[in-house]
Protein backbone atom coordinates (compact mmCIF):
# COMPACT_ATOMS: atom_id res chain seq x y z
CA UNK A 1 89.26 -44.50 146.56
CA UNK A 2 92.33 -44.11 144.35
CA UNK A 3 95.32 -46.44 144.06
CA UNK A 4 97.46 -44.10 146.13
CA UNK A 5 95.17 -44.38 149.16
CA UNK A 6 94.90 -48.15 148.78
CA UNK A 7 98.70 -48.45 148.58
CA UNK A 8 99.17 -46.25 151.65
CA UNK A 9 96.63 -48.31 153.61
CA UNK A 10 98.45 -51.53 152.66
CA UNK A 11 101.78 -50.04 153.76
CA UNK A 12 100.32 -48.88 157.08
CA UNK A 13 98.77 -52.31 157.67
CA UNK A 14 102.13 -54.00 156.95
CA UNK A 15 103.90 -51.59 159.28
CA UNK A 16 101.42 -52.29 162.09
CA UNK A 17 101.89 -56.05 161.63
CA UNK A 18 105.62 -55.81 162.12
CA UNK A 19 106.13 -52.63 164.16
CA UNK A 20 109.24 -52.22 162.03
CA UNK A 21 110.13 -49.54 159.56
CA UNK A 22 110.64 -50.69 155.99
CA UNK A 23 113.98 -50.66 154.22
CA UNK A 24 113.77 -47.98 151.51
CA UNK A 25 115.68 -48.19 148.23
CA UNK A 26 115.76 -45.03 146.11
CA UNK A 27 116.11 -45.57 142.38
CA UNK A 28 115.86 -42.13 140.76
CA UNK A 29 113.00 -40.08 139.24
CA UNK A 30 111.16 -40.33 142.57
CA UNK A 31 110.90 -44.14 142.30
CA UNK A 32 111.50 -46.09 145.48
CA UNK A 33 111.04 -49.64 146.71
CA UNK A 34 110.18 -50.44 150.30
CA UNK A 35 110.92 -53.85 151.78
CA UNK A 36 108.47 -54.81 154.51
CA UNK A 37 109.16 -57.68 156.89
CA UNK A 38 106.10 -59.63 158.02
CA UNK A 39 106.11 -62.11 160.87
CA UNK A 40 103.39 -64.51 161.94
CA UNK A 41 103.30 -67.73 163.91
CA UNK A 42 104.01 -69.50 160.60
CA UNK A 43 107.27 -67.65 160.01
CA UNK A 44 108.62 -64.48 158.45
CA UNK A 45 108.56 -63.21 154.88
CA UNK A 46 109.15 -59.97 153.04
CA UNK A 47 106.91 -57.95 150.71
CA UNK A 48 107.90 -55.15 148.38
CA UNK A 49 106.04 -51.99 147.43
CA UNK A 50 107.26 -49.75 144.61
CA UNK A 51 106.02 -46.17 144.36
CA UNK A 52 106.85 -42.92 142.60
CA UNK A 53 106.78 -39.65 144.54
CA UNK A 54 105.63 -36.49 142.76
CA UNK A 55 104.34 -33.00 143.60
CA UNK A 56 100.66 -32.36 143.00
CA UNK A 57 99.18 -29.08 141.75
CA UNK A 58 99.25 -27.64 145.29
CA UNK A 59 102.93 -28.54 145.70
CA UNK A 60 102.26 -31.39 148.15
CA UNK A 61 104.22 -34.63 147.82
CA UNK A 62 102.14 -37.62 146.75
CA UNK A 63 102.94 -41.27 146.05
CA UNK A 64 101.68 -43.14 143.01
CA UNK A 65 101.85 -46.74 141.85
CA UNK A 66 101.48 -45.64 138.22
CA UNK A 67 104.66 -45.36 136.15
CA UNK A 68 105.48 -43.76 132.81
CA UNK A 69 107.72 -45.29 130.16
CA UNK A 70 110.60 -43.15 131.45
CA UNK A 71 110.14 -44.54 134.97
CA UNK A 72 110.34 -48.21 133.99
CA UNK A 73 114.12 -48.62 134.14
CA UNK A 74 114.06 -47.03 137.59
CA UNK A 75 111.28 -49.44 138.63
CA UNK A 76 113.36 -52.37 137.34
CA UNK A 77 116.43 -51.08 139.21
CA UNK A 78 114.43 -50.69 142.44
CA UNK A 79 113.05 -54.24 142.07
CA UNK A 80 116.54 -55.66 141.40
CA UNK A 81 118.05 -53.84 144.40
CA UNK A 82 115.17 -55.02 146.62
CA UNK A 83 115.71 -58.60 145.45
CA UNK A 84 119.47 -58.34 146.06
CA UNK A 85 118.87 -56.93 149.54
CA UNK A 86 116.47 -59.73 150.49
CA UNK A 87 118.79 -62.45 149.14
CA UNK A 88 121.83 -60.95 150.89
CA UNK A 89 119.96 -60.76 154.21
CA UNK A 90 118.74 -64.36 153.83
CA UNK A 91 122.26 -65.60 153.07
CA UNK A 92 123.67 -63.70 156.05
CA UNK A 93 120.97 -65.16 158.27
CA UNK A 94 121.67 -68.71 157.06
CA UNK A 95 125.41 -68.28 157.58
CA UNK A 96 124.96 -67.00 161.14
CA UNK A 97 122.97 -70.07 162.22
């Protein structure tokens, strides 16, 4: 089983746990971060997945968790934007209580 299938299975498992759609942050060159909210009886937390979408030899879109040198700044940007989004949501939540 390749990394792509493992990543997709993890994303589907996280989506089933929350029944919520992830927040998607696009960062260029097909790189995107997804913020997943997880809730249990012990509280809520967020996880991040970062993937790169590409077309395979048949022209079908695929996701990969492997990045080239040229993708790395886009990965860093996606991670920074995901972090900023989580912090902003946490601050808004604290201020509304």
